[in-house]
Protein backbone atom coordinates (compact mmCIF):
# COMPACT_ATOMS: atom_id res chain seq x y z
CA MET A 1 117.06 88.91 37.40
CA LYS A 2 117.57 88.61 33.52
CA THR A 3 119.91 90.41 31.58
CA PRO A 4 120.34 90.08 27.69
CA VAL A 5 123.07 87.66 26.27
CA ASN A 6 124.74 90.62 24.83
CA PRO A 7 124.00 93.60 27.24
CA ASP A 8 124.52 97.32 26.76
CA PRO A 9 127.75 97.90 28.58
CA ASN A 10 126.38 101.00 30.20
CA HIS A 11 123.53 98.76 31.96
CA SER A 12 125.62 95.70 32.87
CA ALA A 13 128.59 94.70 35.21
CA VAL A 14 131.29 94.75 32.41
CA LEU A 15 134.07 97.32 33.16
CA ASP A 16 135.24 97.70 29.53
CA SER A 17 132.88 98.10 26.72
CA ALA A 18 135.37 96.19 24.44
CA HIS A 19 134.33 93.09 26.55
CA VAL A 20 130.89 93.01 24.85
CA GLY A 21 130.29 92.13 21.20
CA ASP A 22 130.94 89.21 19.00
CA ILE A 23 133.10 86.26 19.84
CA GLN A 24 136.31 86.41 17.90
CA GLY A 25 138.23 83.21 18.33
CA ALA A 26 141.33 81.74 16.75
CA PHE A 27 139.28 79.46 14.71
CA GLY A 28 136.14 81.34 14.05
CA THR A 29 133.75 84.15 14.91
CA ILE A 30 130.22 83.94 16.55
CA ASN A 31 127.93 86.74 15.76
CA LEU A 32 126.02 87.16 19.10
CA SER A 33 123.25 89.24 17.45
CA GLU A 34 122.14 86.44 15.23
CA THR A 35 122.73 83.48 17.69
CA SER A 36 120.81 85.07 20.49
CA THR A 37 117.45 84.74 18.91
CA ALA A 38 118.12 81.26 17.31
CA THR A 39 115.72 78.59 18.58
CA GLY A 40 115.67 74.84 18.19
CA PRO A 41 118.25 72.25 18.10
CA SER A 42 121.33 72.88 15.88
CA SER A 43 123.18 70.52 13.73
CA TRP A 44 126.26 68.83 14.73
CA LYS A 45 128.32 70.89 12.24
CA SER A 46 126.82 74.03 13.82
CA ARG A 47 127.92 72.83 17.24
CA PHE A 48 131.33 71.89 16.04
CA LYS A 49 131.90 75.37 14.49
CA THR A 50 130.70 76.93 17.84
CA LEU A 51 133.09 74.82 19.74
CA LEU A 52 136.08 75.75 17.31
CA ALA A 53 135.23 79.48 17.80
CA ILE A 54 135.20 79.10 21.71
CA ILE A 55 138.33 76.95 22.15
CA GLY A 56 141.26 78.81 23.43
CA PRO A 57 141.12 80.04 27.19
CA GLY A 58 140.96 76.51 28.70
CA LEU A 59 143.95 75.42 26.22
CA ILE A 60 146.07 78.43 26.90
CA VAL A 61 145.77 78.59 30.59
CA MET A 62 146.47 74.81 30.79
CA VAL A 63 149.37 74.51 28.42
CA GLY A 64 150.77 77.70 29.71
CA ASP A 65 150.87 76.14 33.21
CA ASN A 66 153.25 73.30 31.59
CA ASP A 67 156.07 76.18 31.72
CA ALA A 68 159.59 76.43 32.67
CA GLY A 69 158.82 75.89 36.41
CA ALA A 70 156.91 72.61 35.27
CA PHE A 71 159.66 71.36 33.18
CA GLY A 72 162.09 71.65 36.05
CA THR A 73 159.66 69.94 38.48
CA TYR A 74 158.73 67.21 36.13
CA THR A 75 162.19 66.42 34.88
CA GLN A 76 163.44 66.22 38.44
CA ALA A 77 160.64 63.64 39.25
CA GLY A 78 161.63 61.55 36.37
CA GLN A 79 165.37 61.67 36.58
CA ASN A 80 165.53 61.11 40.38
CA TYR A 81 162.51 58.71 40.93
CA GLY A 82 161.50 57.38 37.58
CA THR A 83 157.93 57.01 36.88
CA SER A 84 156.99 56.24 40.60
CA LEU A 85 155.29 59.54 41.00
CA LEU A 86 153.09 59.63 37.95
CA TRP A 87 150.01 59.08 40.20
CA THR A 88 150.17 62.39 41.58
CA LEU A 89 149.16 63.85 38.29
CA LEU A 90 145.91 61.87 38.15
CA LEU A 91 144.99 63.03 41.55
CA LEU A 92 145.30 66.66 40.34
CA VAL A 93 142.65 66.22 37.58
CA PRO A 94 139.76 66.93 39.63
CA VAL A 95 141.29 69.83 41.57
CA LEU A 96 142.24 71.44 38.17
CA TYR A 97 138.87 71.07 36.68
CA VAL A 98 136.83 72.31 39.95
CA ASN A 99 138.98 75.41 40.34
CA GLN A 100 139.12 76.38 36.82
CA GLU A 101 135.42 75.54 36.18
CA MET A 102 134.55 77.86 39.04
CA VAL A 103 136.59 80.50 37.54
CA LEU A 104 134.78 80.07 34.07
CA ARG A 105 131.50 80.44 35.68
CA LEU A 106 132.53 83.60 37.43
CA GLY A 107 133.91 85.06 34.15
CA VAL A 108 130.98 84.22 31.94
CA VAL A 109 128.40 85.22 34.48
CA THR A 110 129.80 88.46 35.95
CA GLY A 111 131.84 89.94 33.29
CA VAL A 112 134.08 91.27 35.98
CA GLY A 113 137.86 90.20 36.56
CA HIS A 114 138.76 88.16 39.62
CA ALA A 115 140.77 90.93 41.40
CA ARG A 116 137.86 93.53 41.10
CA LEU A 117 135.42 91.12 42.56
CA ILE A 118 137.50 90.55 45.50
CA LEU A 119 137.88 94.26 45.91
CA GLU A 120 134.18 94.89 45.64
CA ARG A 121 132.79 92.16 47.79
CA PHE A 122 135.58 91.78 50.56
CA GLY A 123 136.95 95.30 50.92
CA LYS A 124 139.94 97.31 50.15
CA PHE A 125 142.58 95.23 52.02
CA TRP A 126 141.72 91.88 50.35
CA GLY A 127 141.55 93.88 46.88
CA ALA A 128 144.73 95.53 47.36
CA PHE A 129 146.44 92.34 48.65
CA SER A 130 145.31 90.27 45.81
CA ALA A 131 146.50 92.88 43.11
CA ILE A 132 149.87 93.40 45.02
CA ASP A 133 150.73 89.93 45.87
CA LEU A 134 149.58 88.67 42.19
CA PHE A 135 152.03 91.29 40.65
CA ILE A 136 155.05 90.15 43.03
CA LEU A 137 154.50 86.41 42.29
CA ASN A 138 153.69 86.83 38.58
CA ALA A 139 156.88 88.97 38.19
CA LEU A 140 158.96 86.27 39.83
CA THR A 141 157.16 83.59 37.90
CA ILE A 142 157.98 85.35 34.53
CA VAL A 143 161.57 85.52 35.60
CA THR A 144 161.55 81.57 35.75
CA GLU A 145 160.00 81.80 32.18
CA PHE A 146 162.84 83.62 30.97
CA ILE A 147 165.40 81.39 32.99
CA GLY A 148 163.81 78.48 30.91
CA ILE A 149 164.15 80.47 27.67
CA SER A 150 167.75 81.15 28.53
CA ILE A 151 168.36 77.40 29.04
CA GLY A 152 166.80 76.33 26.05
CA LEU A 153 168.73 79.01 24.13
CA ASP A 154 172.04 77.95 25.54
CA TYR A 155 171.57 74.33 24.52
CA LEU A 156 171.02 75.50 20.91
CA GLY A 157 174.00 77.62 20.91
CA VAL A 158 172.22 81.02 20.85
CA PRO A 159 173.74 83.86 22.94
CA LYS A 160 171.81 84.47 26.06
CA ILE A 161 171.41 88.09 26.13
CA PRO A 162 170.16 88.85 22.51
CA GLY A 163 168.05 85.62 22.78
CA VAL A 164 166.33 86.65 25.94
CA ILE A 165 165.67 90.15 24.63
CA VAL A 166 164.10 88.85 21.26
CA ALA A 167 161.90 86.53 23.35
CA ALA A 168 160.64 89.36 25.45
CA VAL A 169 159.97 91.55 22.38
CA VAL A 170 158.17 88.69 20.68
CA VAL A 171 155.75 88.14 23.84
CA VAL A 172 155.04 91.90 24.15
CA GLY A 173 154.49 92.28 20.39
CA ALA A 174 152.21 89.32 20.07
CA ALA A 175 150.03 90.89 22.83
CA SER A 176 150.12 94.42 21.53
CA THR A 177 148.58 94.07 17.95
CA GLY A 178 145.16 95.40 19.06
CA SER A 179 143.52 92.04 17.76
CA PHE A 180 142.27 89.44 20.24
CA LYS A 181 142.09 86.95 17.46
CA THR A 182 145.73 87.46 16.33
CA PHE A 183 146.96 86.79 20.00
CA GLU A 184 144.84 83.73 20.42
CA ARG A 185 146.19 82.43 17.00
CA VAL A 186 149.73 83.01 18.24
CA CYS A 187 148.93 81.14 21.48
CA ILE A 188 147.21 78.33 19.72
CA ALA A 189 150.41 77.92 17.54
CA LEU A 190 152.50 77.76 20.81
CA VAL A 191 150.08 75.07 22.08
CA VAL A 192 150.69 73.10 18.98
CA GLY A 193 154.52 73.57 19.57
CA SER A 194 154.23 71.86 22.91
CA LEU A 195 153.67 68.58 20.73
CA LEU A 196 157.41 68.71 20.07
CA LEU A 197 157.62 66.61 23.28
CA VAL A 198 155.74 63.54 21.70
CA PRO A 199 158.62 62.26 19.41
CA VAL A 200 161.03 62.73 22.63
CA PHE A 201 158.77 60.39 24.32
CA PHE A 202 158.85 57.69 21.75
CA MET A 203 162.65 58.11 21.28
CA SER A 204 163.07 57.12 24.85
CA SER A 205 161.62 53.60 24.42
CA PRO A 206 159.15 53.75 27.19
CA ASP A 207 157.65 50.81 29.04
CA TYR A 208 153.85 51.50 28.64
CA GLY A 209 153.13 48.83 31.14
CA GLN A 210 155.01 50.60 33.65
CA ILE A 211 153.64 53.98 32.88
CA ALA A 212 150.12 52.56 33.05
CA HIS A 213 150.72 50.93 36.51
CA ASP A 214 152.45 54.00 38.04
CA PHE A 215 149.82 56.23 36.65
CA VAL A 216 146.92 54.52 38.56
CA VAL A 217 148.87 52.75 41.60
CA PRO A 218 150.11 55.20 44.21
CA GLY A 219 153.61 54.54 45.44
CA PHE A 220 156.76 55.76 47.02
CA PRO A 221 160.18 55.61 45.39
CA ALA A 222 161.96 52.66 47.08
CA GLY A 223 165.06 53.68 49.30
CA SER A 224 164.19 57.45 48.76
CA ASP A 225 164.14 60.08 51.40
CA VAL A 226 160.69 60.81 52.60
CA ALA A 227 161.13 64.52 53.15
CA ASP A 228 162.73 65.18 49.73
CA VAL A 229 160.05 63.02 48.01
CA THR A 230 157.12 64.73 50.02
CA LEU A 231 158.54 68.18 49.04
CA LEU A 232 158.87 67.29 45.58
CA ILE A 233 155.17 66.09 45.55
CA ILE A 234 154.36 69.36 47.05
CA ALA A 235 156.17 71.03 44.05
CA ILE A 236 154.24 69.01 41.73
CA VAL A 237 151.04 70.40 43.18
CA GLY A 238 152.32 73.86 43.27
CA THR A 239 153.47 73.99 39.59
CA THR A 240 150.30 72.42 38.39
CA ILE A 241 147.87 74.58 40.27
CA ALA A 242 149.03 78.33 40.33
CA PRO A 243 147.19 81.57 41.46
CA TRP A 244 147.77 83.29 38.13
CA GLN A 245 145.56 80.60 36.52
CA LEU A 246 142.45 81.89 38.38
CA PHE A 247 143.07 85.48 37.36
CA PHE A 248 144.04 84.68 33.93
CA GLN A 249 141.20 82.44 32.75
CA GLN A 250 138.53 84.74 34.32
CA SER A 251 139.54 87.62 32.58
CA TYR A 252 140.58 86.05 29.43
CA VAL A 253 136.97 84.57 29.03
CA ILE A 254 135.61 87.95 29.58
CA ASP A 255 137.92 89.58 27.23
CA LYS A 256 136.87 86.86 24.56
CA ARG A 257 133.24 87.91 25.19
CA ILE A 258 131.84 84.61 26.25
CA THR A 259 128.41 84.39 27.80
CA PRO A 260 126.67 81.82 29.83
CA ARG A 261 125.05 80.42 26.60
CA TYR A 262 128.28 78.97 25.77
CA MET A 263 129.44 77.61 29.12
CA LYS A 264 129.06 74.01 28.06
CA TYR A 265 131.54 74.51 25.16
CA GLU A 266 133.93 76.28 27.53
CA ARG A 267 133.86 73.13 29.70
CA VAL A 268 134.75 71.04 26.77
CA ASP A 269 137.64 73.57 26.08
CA LEU A 270 138.93 73.42 29.67
CA TRP A 271 138.92 69.36 29.52
CA LEU A 272 140.92 69.58 26.35
CA GLY A 273 143.50 71.80 28.12
CA ILE A 274 143.50 69.71 31.26
CA THR A 275 144.09 66.46 28.99
CA ILE A 276 147.01 67.98 27.31
CA VAL A 277 148.63 69.32 30.41
CA ILE A 278 148.50 66.05 32.18
CA LEU A 279 149.53 64.12 29.20
CA GLY A 280 152.43 66.74 28.74
CA ALA A 281 153.52 66.30 32.36
CA ALA A 282 153.35 62.44 32.22
CA ALA A 283 155.30 62.58 29.01
CA ILE A 284 158.11 64.71 30.58
CA ILE A 285 158.19 62.52 33.65
CA SER A 286 158.31 59.29 31.61
CA PHE A 287 160.91 60.15 29.00
CA THR A 288 163.31 61.83 31.57
CA ALA A 289 162.83 58.46 33.73
CA PHE A 290 163.47 55.95 30.78
CA THR A 291 166.41 58.18 29.39
CA PHE A 292 168.31 58.24 32.61
CA ALA A 293 167.29 54.70 34.19
CA GLY A 294 170.55 52.92 34.65
CA ARG A 295 172.83 55.80 33.79
CA PRO A 296 175.24 57.62 36.18
CA GLU A 297 173.07 60.62 36.00
CA PHE A 298 169.82 58.86 37.49
CA GLY A 299 169.25 60.45 40.75
CA GLN A 300 171.46 63.48 40.01
CA PHE A 301 169.02 66.06 38.84
CA THR A 302 170.58 69.64 38.30
CA ASP A 303 168.16 71.46 35.82
CA ALA A 304 166.49 71.44 32.72
CA GLY A 305 169.79 72.12 30.89
CA GLY A 306 171.31 69.13 32.29
CA VAL A 307 168.18 67.05 31.16
CA ALA A 308 168.52 68.58 27.52
CA GLU A 309 172.20 67.38 27.67
CA GLY A 310 171.33 64.04 28.92
CA LEU A 311 168.82 63.59 26.17
CA GLY A 312 171.11 64.63 23.51
CA LYS A 313 173.79 62.15 24.85
CA TYR A 314 171.63 59.05 25.18
CA LEU A 315 168.84 59.64 22.63
CA GLY A 316 170.56 61.59 20.04
CA HIS A 317 170.98 65.48 19.36
CA LEU A 318 167.51 65.93 17.61
CA ALA A 319 166.00 64.79 21.08
CA GLY A 320 167.86 67.47 22.79
CA ILE A 321 167.02 69.85 20.34
CA LEU A 322 163.23 69.06 20.43
CA PHE A 323 163.27 69.29 24.31
CA ALA A 324 165.04 72.81 24.19
CA LEU A 325 162.53 74.15 21.58
CA ALA A 326 159.67 72.72 23.74
CA LEU A 327 161.12 74.32 26.80
CA ILE A 328 161.29 77.69 25.08
CA ASP A 329 157.90 77.31 23.54
CA ALA A 330 156.39 76.64 26.94
CA SER A 331 158.16 79.44 28.54
CA ILE A 332 157.14 82.01 26.10
CA ILE A 333 153.31 80.99 26.42
CA GLY A 334 153.68 80.97 30.09
CA ALA A 335 155.17 84.32 30.22
CA ALA A 336 152.39 85.76 27.83
CA ALA A 337 149.69 84.06 30.16
CA VAL A 338 151.21 85.21 33.38
CA GLY A 339 151.91 88.65 32.19
CA LEU A 340 148.38 89.22 31.00
CA SER A 341 146.82 87.86 34.17
CA THR A 342 148.90 90.94 35.86
CA SER A 343 147.69 93.59 33.50
CA TYR A 344 144.19 92.28 33.45
CA ALA A 345 144.08 92.51 37.23
CA PHE A 346 145.57 95.92 37.38
CA GLY A 347 143.10 97.10 34.90
CA ASP A 348 140.08 95.79 36.75
CA VAL A 349 141.36 97.31 39.98
CA LEU A 350 142.33 100.65 38.74
CA GLY A 351 139.55 101.02 36.20
CA LEU A 352 141.70 101.19 33.14
CA LYS A 353 140.58 100.08 29.65
CA HIS A 354 141.94 96.43 29.65
CA SER A 355 141.32 94.61 26.43
CA LEU A 356 143.34 92.81 23.72
CA HIS A 357 140.78 94.18 21.40
CA ARG A 358 141.98 97.55 21.93
CA LYS A 359 144.96 99.14 20.32
CA VAL A 360 147.96 100.17 22.39
CA SER A 361 146.92 103.91 21.97
CA ASP A 362 143.54 103.16 23.36
CA ALA A 363 144.63 101.29 26.57
CA LYS A 364 148.11 102.77 27.45
CA GLY A 365 147.93 101.68 30.90
CA PHE A 366 146.96 98.01 30.26
CA TYR A 367 149.79 97.31 27.72
CA ALA A 368 152.26 99.32 29.65
CA ALA A 369 151.78 96.98 32.66
CA PHE A 370 152.04 93.96 30.56
CA ALA A 371 155.25 95.30 28.94
CA ALA A 372 156.82 96.50 32.21
CA VAL A 373 156.39 93.05 33.88
CA ILE A 374 157.76 91.18 30.85
CA LEU A 375 160.82 93.32 30.17
CA ILE A 376 161.64 93.79 34.00
CA ALA A 377 161.76 89.85 34.18
CA ALA A 378 164.06 89.54 30.98
CA VAL A 379 166.41 92.24 32.35
CA ILE A 380 166.85 90.32 35.80
CA VAL A 381 167.65 87.21 33.84
CA VAL A 382 170.44 88.80 31.80
CA ILE A 383 171.99 90.60 34.80
CA PRO A 384 175.24 88.85 35.72
CA GLY A 385 175.18 87.42 39.23
CA SER A 386 171.31 87.37 39.68
CA PRO A 387 170.34 84.79 42.11
CA LEU A 388 168.22 82.98 39.77
CA GLY A 389 168.13 79.64 41.64
CA LEU A 390 166.87 81.54 44.87
CA LEU A 391 164.10 83.44 42.78
CA THR A 392 163.05 80.03 41.47
CA VAL A 393 162.64 78.66 45.10
CA GLY A 394 160.87 81.81 46.03
CA VAL A 395 158.42 81.39 43.21
CA GLN A 396 157.48 77.85 44.39
CA VAL A 397 157.31 78.83 48.01
CA LEU A 398 155.21 82.04 47.52
CA ALA A 399 152.82 80.18 44.99
CA GLY A 400 152.31 77.59 47.68
CA VAL A 401 151.56 80.09 50.42
CA LEU A 402 149.20 82.12 48.40
CA LEU A 403 147.16 79.38 46.59
CA PRO A 404 145.03 78.52 49.44
CA SER A 405 143.81 82.08 49.88
CA ALA A 406 142.91 82.59 46.16
CA THR A 407 140.95 79.17 46.40
CA VAL A 408 139.02 80.46 49.54
CA PHE A 409 137.89 83.65 47.74
CA LEU A 410 137.06 81.74 44.66
CA LEU A 411 134.80 79.48 46.77
CA LEU A 412 133.12 82.43 48.60
CA LEU A 413 132.57 84.13 45.37
CA CYS A 414 130.98 81.12 43.79
CA ASN A 415 128.56 80.91 46.95
CA ASP A 416 127.57 84.59 46.45
CA LYS A 417 124.02 84.51 45.16
CA GLN A 418 124.11 88.13 44.21
CA VAL A 419 127.16 87.47 42.07
CA MET A 420 126.16 84.20 40.67
CA GLY A 421 122.39 83.90 40.81
CA PRO A 422 121.45 80.47 39.45
CA TRP A 423 125.09 79.62 38.89
CA VAL A 424 126.04 79.48 42.45
CA ASN A 425 127.85 76.19 43.58
CA GLY A 426 126.12 72.99 44.67
CA ARG A 427 126.73 71.37 48.06
CA ALA A 428 128.93 68.75 46.42
CA MET A 429 131.09 71.25 44.89
CA ASN A 430 131.44 73.14 47.97
CA ILE A 431 132.23 69.90 50.08
CA PHE A 432 135.16 69.05 47.60
CA THR A 433 136.52 72.37 47.35
CA SER A 434 136.58 72.84 51.03
CA ALA A 435 138.55 69.61 51.44
CA VAL A 436 140.73 70.91 48.62
CA ILE A 437 141.50 74.12 50.48
CA ALA A 438 142.21 72.17 53.72
CA VAL A 439 144.77 70.08 51.88
CA LEU A 440 146.33 73.06 50.21
CA VAL A 441 146.71 74.81 53.46
CA ILE A 442 148.47 71.90 55.10
CA LEU A 443 150.92 71.52 51.90
CA SER A 444 151.53 75.33 52.21
CA VAL A 445 152.57 74.99 55.84
CA VAL A 446 154.86 72.10 54.96
CA LEU A 447 156.60 74.01 52.18
CA THR A 448 156.96 77.19 54.27
CA ALA A 449 158.60 75.35 57.08
CA ALA A 450 160.91 73.41 54.64
CA VAL A 451 162.17 76.94 53.28
CA LEU A 452 162.68 78.16 56.95
CA PHE A 453 164.18 74.94 58.09
CA PRO A 454 166.11 73.33 55.21
CA ASP A 455 167.26 70.29 57.52
CA ILE A 456 163.48 69.40 58.27
CA ASP A 457 163.11 65.74 58.52
CA ALA A 458 160.62 63.19 57.43
CA ALA A 459 159.22 62.82 61.02
CA THR A 460 158.42 66.55 61.28
CA ILE A 461 156.88 66.66 57.78
CA LEU A 462 154.51 63.59 58.63
CA ALA A 463 153.67 65.17 62.02
CA ILE A 464 152.77 68.53 60.14
CA LEU A 465 150.47 66.64 57.76
CA GLY A 466 149.01 64.46 60.46
CA VAL A 467 148.27 67.50 62.76
CA GLY A 468 146.99 69.50 59.76
CA GLY A 469 144.63 66.69 58.67
CA ALA A 470 143.21 66.19 62.24
CA LEU A 471 142.76 69.96 62.42
CA ALA A 472 140.94 69.93 59.19
CA VAL A 473 138.59 67.08 60.30
CA LEU A 474 137.91 68.64 63.42
CA THR A 475 137.08 72.04 61.93
CA GLY A 476 134.74 70.26 59.62
CA ILE A 477 132.82 68.43 62.48
CA GLY A 478 132.87 71.65 64.24
CA LEU A 479 131.07 73.52 61.38
CA ALA A 480 128.75 70.80 60.73
CA ILE A 481 127.46 70.03 64.43
CA PRO A 482 125.69 73.34 64.87
CA ARG A 483 123.88 73.11 61.52
CA LEU A 484 122.86 69.47 62.32
CA ALA A 485 121.76 70.30 65.64
CA ALA A 486 119.68 73.18 64.42
CA LYS A 487 118.08 71.01 61.85
CA ALA A 488 117.18 68.27 64.43
CA ARG A 489 115.48 71.05 66.48
CA GLY A 490 113.67 72.27 63.46
CA ASN A 491 115.07 75.72 63.98
CA ALA A 492 117.28 75.73 60.78
CA LYS A 493 116.41 78.21 58.09
CA GLU A 494 115.08 76.36 55.11
CA ALA A 495 117.37 76.65 52.12
CA THR A 496 115.90 78.61 49.29
CA ALA A 497 115.92 76.43 46.23
CA VAL A 498 118.00 77.78 43.41
CA ASP A 499 116.00 78.25 40.22
CA ARG A 500 118.61 77.28 37.56
CA SER A 501 116.15 77.57 34.81
CA GLN A 502 117.43 81.02 33.68
CA ARG A 503 121.17 80.16 33.58
CA LEU A 504 121.61 80.83 29.90
CA THR A 505 120.65 84.34 30.11
CA TRP A 506 121.33 85.50 33.66
CA ARG A 507 124.23 87.95 34.08
CA MET A 508 125.35 89.61 37.23
CA PRO A 509 123.94 93.18 37.60
CA PRO A 510 126.17 96.26 37.79
CA LEU A 511 128.54 96.20 40.92
CA ALA A 512 127.00 99.39 42.24
CA LEU A 513 123.44 97.55 42.42
CA LEU A 514 124.79 94.71 44.61
CA GLU A 515 124.62 94.87 48.47
CA ARG A 516 127.87 94.09 50.45
CA PRO A 517 127.85 90.44 51.51
CA GLN A 518 127.07 89.87 55.24
CA LEU A 519 129.81 87.68 56.57
CA SER A 520 129.10 85.46 59.42
CA VAL A 521 131.26 85.42 62.54
CA THR A 522 132.85 82.24 61.48
CA ARG A 523 133.86 83.62 58.03
CA ARG A 524 135.24 86.84 59.57
CA VAL A 525 137.32 84.83 62.03
CA GLY A 526 138.45 82.51 59.30
CA LEU A 527 139.48 85.43 57.11
CA SER A 528 141.15 87.17 59.99
CA VAL A 529 143.33 84.07 60.66
CA LEU A 530 144.05 83.56 56.77
CA ARG A 531 145.32 87.38 56.68
CA LEU A 532 147.57 86.72 59.74
CA TYR A 533 148.96 83.48 58.31
CA LEU A 534 149.60 85.06 54.91
CA LEU A 535 151.30 87.99 56.35
CA VAL A 536 153.63 86.02 58.73
CA ALA A 537 154.46 83.28 56.24
CA MET A 538 155.21 85.73 53.29
CA ILE A 539 157.50 87.75 55.82
CA LEU A 540 159.35 84.84 57.02
CA VAL A 541 159.79 83.36 53.46
CA VAL A 542 161.23 86.74 52.14
CA VAL A 543 163.47 87.13 54.98
CA ARG A 544 164.65 83.50 54.66
CA VAL A 545 165.37 84.08 50.67
CA VAL A 546 167.19 87.18 51.40
CA GLN A 547 169.50 85.46 53.98
CA LEU A 548 170.30 82.75 51.63
CA ALA A 549 171.05 85.37 48.88
CA LEU A 550 173.46 87.23 51.32
CA GLY A 551 174.98 83.87 52.60
CA VAL A 552 173.74 84.39 56.02
């Protein structure tokens, strides 16, 4: 089925009429009524102008991921283990791209946010679950962003309470102008602000040969505790790949009004964002490693504030200032992106107007949800005695628990032909994503076990990894054997070839016109097991965190 590039909102799947119209980016505007009829090859100047107008979603979601939690995780890796864990970042590149590329396709093809698609295609339970757990996890994540802001302000000598409040007002104000272009320009300015880390990297006198070696040659820190290092690697995975990214990027490309015609430009934008996030993470690990190498603080990580003090002590006060400013910058863009992913999801599920193109008076619920989650998080941080350290731990664990489920639904949606049409996944993408999900589930189990049993040893962790890996392989074989046997008998249904020739103009029909997906027995059982695991794991983690808070 074909739909026009710029469809009538009354006859398309988009849920908010503000999601239809010209693309208004930070660096330019694309008039869709003019470009939709254009034919023939365009000049490189025209393509470059188009790219500039499209750039934004990939940069913002990726740089927003190098937030306060990431600063804490990466500096811990560098201060305690040098550059020996840089290789983990390179392994994450294909995972980041595959996850976010699938989200991009969902956004440009459907015009409907992630939470609403889950609700419509998998029922009320999963729709409500996705919205509620996203709200809880995002609220806790934003708390960590304001913890990062307070740490940076403390190093700069700015009082905590007024500084955090001003930061919260800035975040809410940037998103409440009623102009999508203005918000994106603010975010791009914050992306540029992340480059403050570059001079700190050069000030640390890095060993480029060692960095290059550790980036491409996997290794384990000599003499280190296997359990501690394994948990830190899991933390690196968790802080680099987070559930909010999926919800934010899908809704943001919809709000930016990007259509399938511009998918190739959006992929370039995504690669730019991935490049910046990986290089930024590598820079943080590296300059922390070389600053503390041979110093008394090496192996004695406390928090990002301690890193700022160390940078100021050994590299000069300017290095500490730049690091603190970069931390504040990253925390602000992280808070904005995570907050928006929450209000976008609520708007999708509850049927509210939800667009940055709208004024506050025209989308009260959308902006109220955004302001509420930002201000509540800021207040928690400034309340004396708040268990901020435990909240940070809770964020990491809950993110690890929920990420596999988010990726499962992402994979299912991208294989739903009614939703994706000619944009459905290919076989290679499905195999790779299934393998990623298996790894994420195993890491999720390890992380949950580590919180429930803080004294867990290396042998237990390795046993979980081994058993989990074996079960994943056996499950894959079990699913493949019936298909291969049916194919050998000639009874297998012939796969219908996907006609991808209409991809540039194909859009998902209105949700009301779609038939509910018919899930196989295997998928129903799998989703039931996933539901049980999520409920049990979340309850156990919450109980454990409360026990720690009460000193039990």
